[in-house]
PDB file of N, CA and C in Angstrom:
ATOM      1  N   UNK A   1      85.347 100.517 140.660  1.00  0.00           N
ATOM      2  CA  UNK A   1      85.911 101.817 140.355  1.00  0.00           C
ATOM      3  C   UNK A   1      84.810 102.865 140.377  1.00  0.00           C
ATOM      4  N   UNK A   2      85.167 104.010 140.840  1.00  0.00           N
ATOM      5  CA  UNK A   2      84.193 105.091 140.863  1.00  0.00           C
ATOM      6  C   UNK A   2      84.130 105.758 139.491  1.00  0.00           C
ATOM      7  N   UNK A   3      83.127 106.527 139.314  1.00  0.00           N
ATOM      8  CA  UNK A   3      82.939 107.226 138.036  1.00  0.00           C
ATOM      9  C   UNK A   3      84.100 108.184 137.765  1.00  0.00           C
ATOM     10  N   UNK A   4      84.576 108.885 138.796  1.00  0.00           N
ATOM     11  CA  UNK A   4      85.690 109.825 138.619  1.00  0.00           C
ATOM     12  C   UNK A   4      86.987 109.111 138.263  1.00  0.00           C
ATOM     13  N   UNK A   5      87.234 107.951 138.863  1.00  0.00           N
ATOM     14  CA  UNK A   5      88.461 107.239 138.547  1.00  0.00           C
ATOM     15  C   UNK A   5      88.404 106.654 137.134  1.00  0.00           C
ATOM     16  N   UNK A   6      87.232 106.230 136.700  1.00  0.00           N
ATOM     17  CA  UNK A   6      87.083 105.753 135.319  1.00  0.00           C
ATOM     18  C   UNK A   6      87.324 106.888 134.331  1.00  0.00           C
ATOM     19  N   UNK A   7      86.799 108.050 134.653  1.00  0.00           N
ATOM     20  CA  UNK A   7      86.983 109.221 133.791  1.00  0.00           C
ATOM     21  C   UNK A   7      88.462 109.592 133.719  1.00  0.00           C
ATOM     22  N   UNK A   8      89.141 109.575 134.838  1.00  0.00           N
ATOM     23  CA  UNK A   8      90.567 109.898 134.864  1.00  0.00           C
ATOM     24  C   UNK A   8      91.381 108.889 134.061  1.00  0.00           C
ATOM     25  N   UNK A   9      91.034 107.621 134.181  1.00  0.00           N
ATOM     26  CA  UNK A   9      91.719 106.572 133.427  1.00  0.00           C
ATOM     27  C   UNK A   9      91.501 106.759 131.928  1.00  0.00           C
ATOM     28  N   UNK A  10      90.289 107.049 131.535  1.00  0.00           N
ATOM     29  CA  UNK A  10      89.973 107.262 130.131  1.00  0.00           C
ATOM     30  C   UNK A  10      90.718 108.471 129.585  1.00  0.00           C
ATOM     31  N   UNK A  11      90.721 109.557 130.317  1.00  0.00           N
ATOM     32  CA  UNK A  11      91.416 110.767 129.860  1.00  0.00           C
ATOM     33  C   UNK A  11      92.920 110.556 129.742  1.00  0.00           C
ATOM     34  N   UNK A  12      93.501 109.850 130.698  1.00  0.00           N
ATOM     35  CA  UNK A  12      94.937 109.602 130.615  1.00  0.00           C
ATOM     36  C   UNK A  12      95.263 108.672 129.450  1.00  0.00           C
ATOM     37  N   UNK A  13      94.405 107.698 129.184  1.00  0.00           N
ATOM     38  CA  UNK A  13      94.611 106.801 128.041  1.00  0.00           C
ATOM     39  C   UNK A  13      94.527 107.562 126.731  1.00  0.00           C
ATOM     40  N   UNK A  14      93.569 108.447 126.625  1.00  0.00           N
ATOM     41  CA  UNK A  14      93.445 109.262 125.417  1.00  0.00           C
ATOM     42  C   UNK A  14      94.647 110.182 125.237  1.00  0.00           C
ATOM     43  N   UNK A  15      95.146 110.737 126.318  1.00  0.00           N
ATOM     44  CA  UNK A  15      96.310 111.621 126.246  1.00  0.00           C
ATOM     45  C   UNK A  15      97.536 110.861 125.759  1.00  0.00           C
ATOM     46  N   UNK A  16      97.755 109.669 126.273  1.00  0.00           N
ATOM     47  CA  UNK A  16      98.893 108.850 125.839  1.00  0.00           C
ATOM     48  C   UNK A  16      98.752 108.478 124.372  1.00  0.00           C
ATOM     49  N   UNK A  17      97.556 108.107 123.964  1.00  0.00           N
ATOM     50  CA  UNK A  17      97.329 107.728 122.566  1.00  0.00           C
ATOM     51  C   UNK A  17      97.572 108.904 121.632  1.00  0.00           C
ATOM     52  N   UNK A  18      97.120 110.085 122.021  1.00  0.00           N
ATOM     53  CA  UNK A  18      97.321 111.247 121.153  1.00  0.00           C
ATOM     54  C   UNK A  18      98.786 111.652 121.107  1.00  0.00           C
ATOM     55  N   UNK A  19      99.506 111.491 122.204  1.00  0.00           N
ATOM     56  CA  UNK A  19     100.937 111.789 122.184  1.00  0.00           C
ATOM     57  C   UNK A  19     101.688 110.814 121.284  1.00  0.00           C
ATOM     58  N   UNK A  20     101.311 109.557 121.311  1.00  0.00           N
ATOM     59  CA  UNK A  20     101.946 108.562 120.452  1.00  0.00           C
ATOM     60  C   UNK A  20     101.684 108.884 118.984  1.00  0.00           C
ATOM     61  N   UNK A  21     100.459 109.250 118.667  1.00  0.00           N
ATOM     62  CA  UNK A  21     100.125 109.593 117.285  1.00  0.00           C
ATOM     63  C   UNK A  21     100.860 110.846 116.850  1.00  0.00           C
ATOM     64  N   UNK A  22     100.971 111.832 117.737  1.00  0.00           N
ATOM     65  CA  UNK A  22     101.680 113.060 117.409  1.00  0.00           C
ATOM     66  C   UNK A  22     103.150 112.786 117.182  1.00  0.00           C
ATOM     67  N   UNK A  23     103.743 111.938 117.997  1.00  0.00           N
ATOM     68  CA  UNK A  23     105.161 111.608 117.823  1.00  0.00           C
ATOM     69  C   UNK A  23     105.396 110.927 116.486  1.00  0.00           C
ATOM     70  N   UNK A  24     104.493 110.046 116.085  1.00  0.00           N
ATOM     71  CA  UNK A  24     104.645 109.359 114.801  1.00  0.00           C
ATOM     72  C   UNK A  24     104.486 110.331 113.645  1.00  0.00           C
ATOM     73  N   UNK A  25     103.612 111.309 113.797  1.00  0.00           N
ATOM     74  CA  UNK A  25     103.397 112.273 112.731  1.00  0.00           C
ATOM     75  C   UNK A  25     104.503 113.310 112.658  1.00  0.00           C
ATOM     76  N   UNK A  26     105.186 113.569 113.753  1.00  0.00           N
ATOM     77  CA  UNK A  26     106.213 114.592 113.807  1.00  0.00           C
ATOM     78  C   UNK A  26     107.604 113.974 113.753  1.00  0.00           C
ATOM     79  N   UNK A  27     107.844 113.121 112.770  1.00  0.00           N
ATOM     80  CA  UNK A  27     109.119 112.451 112.625  1.00  0.00           C
ATOM     81  C   UNK A  27     109.756 112.896 111.310  1.00  0.00           C
ATOM     82  N   UNK A  28     110.651 113.891 111.355  1.00  0.00           N
ATOM     83  CA  UNK A  28     111.222 114.435 110.122  1.00  0.00           C
ATOM     84  C   UNK A  28     111.950 113.398 109.265  1.00  0.00           C
ATOM     85  N   UNK A  29     112.653 112.459 109.881  1.00  0.00           N
ATOM     86  CA  UNK A  29     113.372 111.437 109.107  1.00  0.00           C
ATOM     87  C   UNK A  29     112.387 110.546 108.352  1.00  0.00           C
ATOM     88  N   UNK A  30     111.311 110.165 109.009  1.00  0.00           N
ATOM     89  CA  UNK A  30     110.299 109.330 108.359  1.00  0.00           C
ATOM     90  C   UNK A  30     109.588 110.109 107.257  1.00  0.00           C
ATOM     91  N   UNK A  31     109.316 111.386 107.506  1.00  0.00           N
ATOM     92  CA  UNK A  31     108.668 112.225 106.493  1.00  0.00           C
ATOM     93  C   UNK A  31     109.551 112.367 105.259  1.00  0.00           C
ATOM     94  N   UNK A  32     110.838 112.588 105.468  1.00  0.00           N
ATOM     95  CA  UNK A  32     111.778 112.733 104.360  1.00  0.00           C
ATOM     96  C   UNK A  32     111.869 111.429 103.570  1.00  0.00           C
ATOM     97  N   UNK A  33     111.916 110.327 104.276  1.00  0.00           N
ATOM     98  CA  UNK A  33     111.970 109.017 103.645  1.00  0.00           C
ATOM     99  C   UNK A  33     110.714 108.779 102.802  1.00  0.00           C
ATOM    100  N   UNK A  34     109.553 109.043 103.369  1.00  0.00           N
ATOM    101  CA  UNK A  34     108.286 108.822 102.664  1.00  0.00           C
ATOM    102  C   UNK A  34     108.158 109.730 101.443  1.00  0.00           C
ATOM    103  N   UNK A  35     108.723 110.918 101.498  1.00  0.00           N
ATOM    104  CA  UNK A  35     108.647 111.846 100.365  1.00  0.00           C
ATOM    105  C   UNK A  35     109.368 111.291  99.140  1.00  0.00           C
ATOM    106  N   UNK A  36     110.346 110.431  99.338  1.00  0.00           N
ATOM    107  CA  UNK A  36     111.096 109.856  98.235  1.00  0.00           C
ATOM    108  C   UNK A  36     110.498 108.593  97.643  1.00  0.00           C
ATOM    109  N   UNK A  37     109.366 108.170  98.157  1.00  0.00           N
ATOM    110  CA  UNK A  37     108.722 106.945  97.662  1.00  0.00           C
ATOM    111  C   UNK A  37     107.957 107.214  96.364  1.00  0.00           C
ATOM    112  N   UNK A  38     107.717 106.158  95.612  1.00  0.00           N
ATOM    113  CA  UNK A  38     106.869 106.251  94.424  1.00  0.00           C
ATOM    114  C   UNK A  38     105.444 106.571  94.870  1.00  0.00           C
ATOM    115  N   UNK A  39     104.570 106.972  93.947  1.00  0.00           N
ATOM    116  CA  UNK A  39     103.170 107.212  94.346  1.00  0.00           C
ATOM    117  C   UNK A  39     102.522 105.987  95.010  1.00  0.00           C
ATOM    118  N   UNK A  40     102.825 104.811  94.485  1.00  0.00           N
ATOM    119  CA  UNK A  40     102.272 103.591  95.094  1.00  0.00           C
ATOM    120  C   UNK A  40     102.882 103.349  96.471  1.00  0.00           C
ATOM    121  N   UNK A  41     104.175 103.629  96.599  1.00  0.00           N
ATOM    122  CA  UNK A  41     104.851 103.502  97.890  1.00  0.00           C
ATOM    123  C   UNK A  41     104.274 104.460  98.915  1.00  0.00           C
ATOM    124  N   UNK A  42     103.952 105.666  98.469  1.00  0.00           N
ATOM    125  CA  UNK A  42     103.339 106.649  99.373  1.00  0.00           C
ATOM    126  C   UNK A  42     101.962 106.169  99.828  1.00  0.00           C
ATOM    127  N   UNK A  43     101.210 105.563  98.902  1.00  0.00           N
ATOM    128  CA  UNK A  43      99.906 104.996  99.270  1.00  0.00           C
ATOM    129  C   UNK A  43     100.083 103.913 100.326  1.00  0.00           C
ATOM    130  N   UNK A  44     101.041 103.049 100.110  1.00  0.00           N
ATOM    131  CA  UNK A  44     101.323 101.985 101.071  1.00  0.00           C
ATOM    132  C   UNK A  44     101.719 102.577 102.419  1.00  0.00           C
ATOM    133  N   UNK A  45     102.586 103.573 102.393  1.00  0.00           N
ATOM    134  CA  UNK A  45     103.071 104.201 103.625  1.00  0.00           C
ATOM    135  C   UNK A  45     101.931 104.857 104.400  1.00  0.00           C
ATOM    136  N   UNK A  46     101.106 105.632 103.705  1.00  0.00           N
ATOM    137  CA  UNK A  46     100.016 106.323 104.408  1.00  0.00           C
ATOM    138  C   UNK A  46      98.959 105.349 104.929  1.00  0.00           C
ATOM    139  N   UNK A  47      98.857 104.188 104.296  1.00  0.00           N
ATOM    140  CA  UNK A  47      97.911 103.175 104.774  1.00  0.00           C
ATOM    141  C   UNK A  47      98.393 102.517 106.062  1.00  0.00           C
ATOM    142  N   UNK A  48      99.691 102.268 106.154  1.00  0.00           N
ATOM    143  CA  UNK A  48     100.240 101.515 107.282  1.00  0.00           C
ATOM    144  C   UNK A  48     100.716 102.417 108.420  1.00  0.00           C
ATOM    145  N   UNK A  49     101.245 103.584 108.110  1.00  0.00           N
ATOM    146  CA  UNK A  49     101.893 104.448 109.109  1.00  0.00           C
ATOM    147  C   UNK A  49     101.073 104.715 110.375  1.00  0.00           C
ATOM    148  N   UNK A  50      99.774 104.976 110.280  1.00  0.00           N
ATOM    149  CA  UNK A  50      99.023 105.257 111.512  1.00  0.00           C
ATOM    150  C   UNK A  50      98.974 104.086 112.498  1.00  0.00           C
ATOM    151  N   UNK A  51      99.332 102.901 112.040  1.00  0.00           N
ATOM    152  CA  UNK A  51      99.234 101.702 112.882  1.00  0.00           C
ATOM    153  C   UNK A  51     100.582 101.250 113.452  1.00  0.00           C
ATOM    154  N   UNK A  52     101.650 101.976 113.121  1.00  0.00           N
ATOM    155  CA  UNK A  52     102.985 101.592 113.595  1.00  0.00           C
ATOM    156  C   UNK A  52     103.153 101.994 115.057  1.00  0.00           C
ATOM    157  N   UNK A  53     103.604 101.027 115.854  1.00  0.00           N
ATOM    158  CA  UNK A  53     103.901 101.246 117.270  1.00  0.00           C
ATOM    159  C   UNK A  53     105.344 100.825 117.514  1.00  0.00           C
ATOM    160  N   UNK A  54     105.932 101.218 118.634  1.00  0.00           N
ATOM    161  CA  UNK A  54     107.337 100.863 118.900  1.00  0.00           C
ATOM    162  C   UNK A  54     107.631  99.364 118.835  1.00  0.00           C
ATOM    163  N   UNK A  55     106.656  98.527 119.145  1.00  0.00           N
ATOM    164  CA  UNK A  55     106.902  97.086 119.143  1.00  0.00           C
ATOM    165  C   UNK A  55     106.321  96.379 117.915  1.00  0.00           C
ATOM    166  N   UNK A  56     105.941  97.142 116.901  1.00  0.00           N
ATOM    167  CA  UNK A  56     105.323  96.559 115.707  1.00  0.00           C
ATOM    168  C   UNK A  56     106.298  95.709 114.904  1.00  0.00           C
ATOM    169  N   UNK A  57     105.772  94.621 114.356  1.00  0.00           N
ATOM    170  CA  UNK A  57     106.483  93.827 113.362  1.00  0.00           C
ATOM    171  C   UNK A  57     106.052  94.431 112.024  1.00  0.00           C
ATOM    172  N   UNK A  58     106.934  95.211 111.420  1.00  0.00           N
ATOM    173  CA  UNK A  58     106.589  95.979 110.229  1.00  0.00           C
ATOM    174  C   UNK A  58     106.104  95.074 109.095  1.00  0.00           C
ATOM    175  N   UNK A  59     106.782  93.968 108.864  1.00  0.00           N
ATOM    176  CA  UNK A  59     106.389  93.081 107.767  1.00  0.00           C
ATOM    177  C   UNK A  59     104.969  92.542 107.966  1.00  0.00           C
ATOM    178  N   UNK A  60     104.657  92.076 109.157  1.00  0.00           N
ATOM    179  CA  UNK A  60     103.308  91.561 109.431  1.00  0.00           C
ATOM    180  C   UNK A  60     102.265  92.671 109.325  1.00  0.00           C
ATOM    181  N   UNK A  61     102.621  93.843 109.829  1.00  0.00           N
ATOM    182  CA  UNK A  61     101.705  94.978 109.780  1.00  0.00           C
ATOM    183  C   UNK A  61     101.422  95.370 108.332  1.00  0.00           C
ATOM    184  N   UNK A  62     102.462  95.397 107.512  1.00  0.00           N
ATOM    185  CA  UNK A  62     102.272  95.734 106.101  1.00  0.00           C
ATOM    186  C   UNK A  62     101.382  94.699 105.416  1.00  0.00           C
ATOM    187  N   UNK A  63     101.647  93.435 105.661  1.00  0.00           N
ATOM    188  CA  UNK A  63     100.836  92.384 105.026  1.00  0.00           C
ATOM    189  C   UNK A  63      99.364  92.515 105.416  1.00  0.00           C
ATOM    190  N   UNK A  64      99.105  92.738 106.684  1.00  0.00           N
ATOM    191  CA  UNK A  64      97.712  92.799 107.130  1.00  0.00           C
ATOM    192  C   UNK A  64      97.005  94.064 106.643  1.00  0.00           C
ATOM    193  N   UNK A  65      97.702  95.178 106.619  1.00  0.00           N
ATOM    194  CA  UNK A  65      97.079  96.451 106.239  1.00  0.00           C
ATOM    195  C   UNK A  65      96.982  96.659 104.733  1.00  0.00           C
ATOM    196  N   UNK A  66      97.894  96.059 103.968  1.00  0.00           N
ATOM    197  CA  UNK A  66      97.911  96.271 102.521  1.00  0.00           C
ATOM    198  C   UNK A  66      97.103  95.231 101.753  1.00  0.00           C
ATOM    199  N   UNK A  67      96.756  94.164 102.404  1.00  0.00           N
ATOM    200  CA  UNK A  67      95.971  93.102 101.755  1.00  0.00           C
ATOM    201  C   UNK A  67      94.686  93.671 101.138  1.00  0.00           C
ATOM    202  N   UNK A  68      94.023  94.554 101.847  1.00  0.00           N
ATOM    203  CA  UNK A  68      92.783  95.154 101.346  1.00  0.00           C
ATOM    204  C   UNK A  68      92.989  95.977 100.087  1.00  0.00           C
ATOM    205  N   UNK A  69      94.125  96.656  99.993  1.00  0.00           N
ATOM    206  CA  UNK A  69      94.409  97.438  98.786  1.00  0.00           C
ATOM    207  C   UNK A  69      94.621  96.526  97.584  1.00  0.00           C
ATOM    208  N   UNK A  70      95.277  95.400  97.809  1.00  0.00           N
ATOM    209  CA  UNK A  70      95.512  94.444  96.727  1.00  0.00           C
ATOM    210  C   UNK A  70      94.194  93.788  96.306  1.00  0.00           C
ATOM    211  N   UNK A  71      93.428  93.343  97.280  1.00  0.00           N
ATOM    212  CA  UNK A  71      92.138  92.708  96.977  1.00  0.00           C
ATOM    213  C   UNK A  71      91.199  93.691  96.291  1.00  0.00           C
ATOM    214  N   UNK A  72      91.253  94.947  96.722  1.00  0.00           N
ATOM    215  CA  UNK A  72      90.394  95.980  96.140  1.00  0.00           C
ATOM    216  C   UNK A  72      90.870  96.508  94.794  1.00  0.00           C
ATOM    217  N   UNK A  73      92.023  96.053  94.332  1.00  0.00           N
ATOM    218  CA  UNK A  73      92.515  96.471  93.030  1.00  0.00           C
ATOM    219  C   UNK A  73      93.237  97.807  93.006  1.00  0.00           C
ATOM    220  N   UNK A  74      93.478  98.396  94.167  1.00  0.00           N
ATOM    221  CA  UNK A  74      94.182  99.681  94.213  1.00  0.00           C
ATOM    222  C   UNK A  74      95.691  99.509  94.151  1.00  0.00           C
ATOM    223  N   UNK A  75      96.146  98.275  94.338  1.00  0.00           N
ATOM    224  CA  UNK A  75      97.571  97.970  94.376  1.00  0.00           C
ATOM    225  C   UNK A  75      97.756  96.548  93.868  1.00  0.00           C
ATOM    226  N   UNK A  76      98.739  96.352  92.988  1.00  0.00           N
ATOM    227  CA  UNK A  76      99.010  94.994  92.521  1.00  0.00           C
ATOM    228  C   UNK A  76     100.041  94.347  93.434  1.00  0.00           C
ATOM    229  N   UNK A  77     100.064  93.037  93.430  1.00  0.00           N
ATOM    230  CA  UNK A  77     101.049  92.318  94.242  1.00  0.00           C
ATOM    231  C   UNK A  77     102.455  92.681  93.777  1.00  0.00           C
ATOM    232  N   UNK A  78     102.632  92.751  92.468  1.00  0.00           N
ATOM    233  CA  UNK A  78     103.947  93.086  91.899  1.00  0.00           C
ATOM    234  C   UNK A  78     104.419  94.461  92.373  1.00  0.00           C
ATOM    235  N   UNK A  79     103.532  95.435  92.366  1.00  0.00           N
ATOM    236  CA  UNK A  79     103.870  96.786  92.819  1.00  0.00           C
ATOM    237  C   UNK A  79     104.151  96.799  94.318  1.00  0.00           C
ATOM    238  N   UNK A  80     103.356  96.070  95.073  1.00  0.00           N
ATOM    239  CA  UNK A  80     103.563  96.000  96.523  1.00  0.00           C
ATOM    240  C   UNK A  80     104.922  95.388  96.839  1.00  0.00           C
ATOM    241  N   UNK A  81     105.261  94.321  96.130  1.00  0.00           N
ATOM    242  CA  UNK A  81     106.559  93.680  96.351  1.00  0.00           C
ATOM    243  C   UNK A  81     107.709  94.601  95.941  1.00  0.00           C
ATOM    244  N   UNK A  82     107.531  95.321  94.821  1.00  0.00           N
ATOM    245  CA  UNK A  82     108.586  96.212  94.343  1.00  0.00           C
ATOM    246  C   UNK A  82     108.845  97.378  95.302  1.00  0.00           C
ATOM    247  N   UNK A  83     107.817  97.825  95.995  1.00  0.00           N
ATOM    248  CA  UNK A  83     107.941  98.966  96.905  1.00  0.00           C
ATOM    249  C   UNK A  83     108.107  98.565  98.364  1.00  0.00           C
ATOM    250  N   UNK A  84     107.917  97.294  98.657  1.00  0.00           N
ATOM    251  CA  UNK A  84     107.870  96.832 100.044  1.00  0.00           C
ATOM    252  C   UNK A  84     109.078  97.168 100.887  1.00  0.00           C
ATOM    253  N   UNK A  85     110.281  96.937 100.371  1.00  0.00           N
ATOM    254  CA  UNK A  85     111.473  97.192 101.180  1.00  0.00           C
ATOM    255  C   UNK A  85     111.645  98.673 101.488  1.00  0.00           C
ATOM    256  N   UNK A  86     111.443  99.529 100.489  1.00  0.00           N
ATOM    257  CA  UNK A  86     111.599 100.968 100.713  1.00  0.00           C
ATOM    258  C   UNK A  86     110.553 101.486 101.696  1.00  0.00           C
ATOM    259  N   UNK A  87     109.322 101.033 101.533  1.00  0.00           N
ATOM    260  CA  UNK A  87     108.252 101.453 102.451  1.00  0.00           C
ATOM    261  C   UNK A  87     108.541 100.943 103.861  1.00  0.00           C
ATOM    262  N   UNK A  88     108.989  99.707 103.957  1.00  0.00           N
ATOM    263  CA  UNK A  88     109.323  99.133 105.261  1.00  0.00           C
ATOM    264  C   UNK A  88     110.409  99.913 105.980  1.00  0.00           C
ATOM    265  N   UNK A  89     111.419 100.354 105.222  1.00  0.00           N
ATOM    266  CA  UNK A  89     112.484 101.173 105.841  1.00  0.00           C
ATOM    267  C   UNK A  89     111.912 102.472 106.395  1.00  0.00           C
ATOM    268  N   UNK A  90     111.055 103.115 105.617  1.00  0.00           N
ATOM    269  CA  UNK A  90     110.447 104.373 106.085  1.00  0.00           C
ATOM    270  C   UNK A  90     109.569 104.138 107.313  1.00  0.00           C
ATOM    271  N   UNK A  91     108.792 103.068 107.283  1.00  0.00           N
ATOM    272  CA  UNK A  91     107.915 102.767 108.412  1.00  0.00           C
ATOM    273  C   UNK A  91     108.717 102.439 109.670  1.00  0.00           C
ATOM    274  N   UNK A  92     109.857 101.794 109.498  1.00  0.00           N
ATOM    275  CA  UNK A  92     110.669 101.449 110.674  1.00  0.00           C
ATOM    276  C   UNK A  92     111.176 102.703 111.383  1.00  0.00           C
ATOM    277  N   UNK A  93     111.292 103.805 110.672  1.00  0.00           N
ATOM    278  CA  UNK A  93     111.717 105.070 111.289  1.00  0.00           C
ATOM    279  C   UNK A  93     110.661 105.612 112.250  1.00  0.00           C
ATOM    280  N   UNK A  94     109.420 105.177 112.055  1.00  0.00           N
ATOM    281  CA  UNK A  94     108.322 105.632 112.928  1.00  0.00           C
ATOM    282  C   UNK A  94     108.299 104.908 114.265  1.00  0.00           C
ATOM    283  N   UNK A  95     109.024 103.813 114.354  1.00  0.00           N
ATOM    284  CA  UNK A  95     109.001 103.022 115.593  1.00  0.00           C
ATOM    285  C   UNK A  95     109.668 103.736 116.760  1.00  0.00           C
ATOM    286  N   UNK A  96     110.430 104.745 116.454  1.00  0.00           N
ATOM    287  CA  UNK A  96     110.992 105.543 117.527  1.00  0.00           C
ATOM    288  C   UNK A  96     112.374 105.235 117.849  1.00  0.00           C
TER     289      UNK A  96
END
């Protein structure tokens, strides 16, 4: 590949990635849903939301992304379980 074609590929990849992130951030239904969460639920949502893609398995994504909060003491397992379904519903709205 030439240098120009690599540059074009990189720029187009960045453009697609930024559009995907913008679409996830500009989702009124997901925003409204997240606004109704508990403070802990909002923490969970903001931790996982940037990683949601159209083909994401929300449950697996939540487990992998929230594990650090539990281990770090910022979230208890009991609180995570209590908020999990509501947060999962809000996150599923981001899938598009």
